Amino acid sequence: MQIADFHIHSCFSRACSRNLTLKHIDETCRCKGVDIIATGDFTYPQWFLSIKNELEETKNNSGLYKLKSVDNDKVKFILSTELALIYKKGDKTRRIHIVVHAPNIQAVEELNKYLDKNYNIRSDGRPILGMPAPELVRLCLSIHPQFLIYPAHIWTPWFAVFGSKSGFDSIEECFEDQTNNIYAYETGLSSDPEMNWRLSSLDSLTLLSNSDAHSLPNIGREANVFELKEETYEEIYQAIKNKDLKKIKYTIEFYPEEGMYHFDGHRVCGVSFTPQETKRHKGICPVCKKPLTVGVLSRVEELADRPFGIKPRNTYGFKKLVELDKIIAEALGIKSRNSQKVKNIYNNLIDNLGTELDILLNVPIEKIKKNSSSLIALGVERVRTGKLIIKPGFDGQYGEVKIFKLEELEKQPSLF
């Protein structure tokens, strides 16, 4: 089994942590239990130089890379980036984000050479290109037939293929004659597989869930679980292209309500609406009288051709998780997951029980209790069963996922 997170960023992307270096990413993946991780941002010249200098192929022509400074390939890097496309189509300006995976360093070099000559790829780790989506697909495939290109976080209002503010109503409308070369889509944090299953037009595509991490702690918050015969780019490419259910086992999901665009609303006005409430207000904010930012749930309702609860036959399941440090922080009554107290307990659990994802998914609850506290163990159990208190996010504001009631926290003795 290989856990893969195909979409993260580097320290060179806007609003991203300076700690997102290849060395720190490798270290974090070893704690998290992520086996295959995106390099992110391979179009940025300085970051690509780091990739070439610090990584080497795991074996000849594997298409996956490891740190030269470590003696094993427990953590493998896949060459990846996210590109922002902003262009005019019809009477509308389109703003969509695309994930691109490359089969080898040489293919990235050729793509970067073209983009650097024709666009500005030196301003940010996630560059903005004035290029239509079909043109990007044609360009990548002209360089190498096994570039893998798919739309990122497909429902995000402002920058997504189905976004309410600048997107399309179908994959075909976006990618036109290149639609047959699109094999996958990324759910994004504000949607889960059940929401995407409501669109029959997505059935033939491989559903992927990635973290889009802008900092180290968020790596692996969404991921994909593969069973691979060989740990190579070719094996991953073919599994995704052919939607191979023998190789793609399930996805690991963020609770979509915690995403920043689950409900509709206006953050500055403090207005958060369900799709039904938005309809009652005719899409207008009752405070400022301007149009609401329509979130993912409403957009799914608009495009869906199936009721909620239908699972297509040709698909795989998923498991929803809350990150371990968030569980620990709430159990301690601490707001920050970066607290030293949280880190001490987190590190103790990792040292004694294994990786974070294994603890969240598989380790017996009694073992977690023995190595932390009864409340932390209860928190992991509740996350596994979905017994949570959730306040959905809206208009760029993360939602809140709570595990415990206040009285439960007050009854617990201090761990310190």
Foldseek 3Di string as FASTA:
>chain_A
DAWEFAAAAACFAPPFDPQRAQVSLVVLCQQAVHQEYELELCLAVVSVVSCVVQWDDQDPQQQWIDGPPDDHRSHIYWYKYKEWEWEDDDPAIATAIKIKTDSHSVLSVVVSVVCVVPHDSHNGSHYYDPDAPQVVLVVSCVSPVLIAMETELADDQHYHQLHVPHHDLALCVRNPPCSLRHAAYENDQQDDVLLVQLAPRCVRHAYFYHQRYSYSLSGPLKIWAFDFPDNGPVRVSVCRNRVPCNTTAAMEHEPNLQDAFNFKADVVVPDTDHLVVCVVVVQAHPPPRHGIRHGRRNSSVVNGPHDGPDDDPSHHYYAYADFLLVLQCVLQVHDDSPDPVSVVLSVQCCVPPNHRVCVLPPDDLVVNCVSHHNSSSQQSVCSRVVVWDWAGHHDRHGIDIGRDDPVVSVPDDHPD
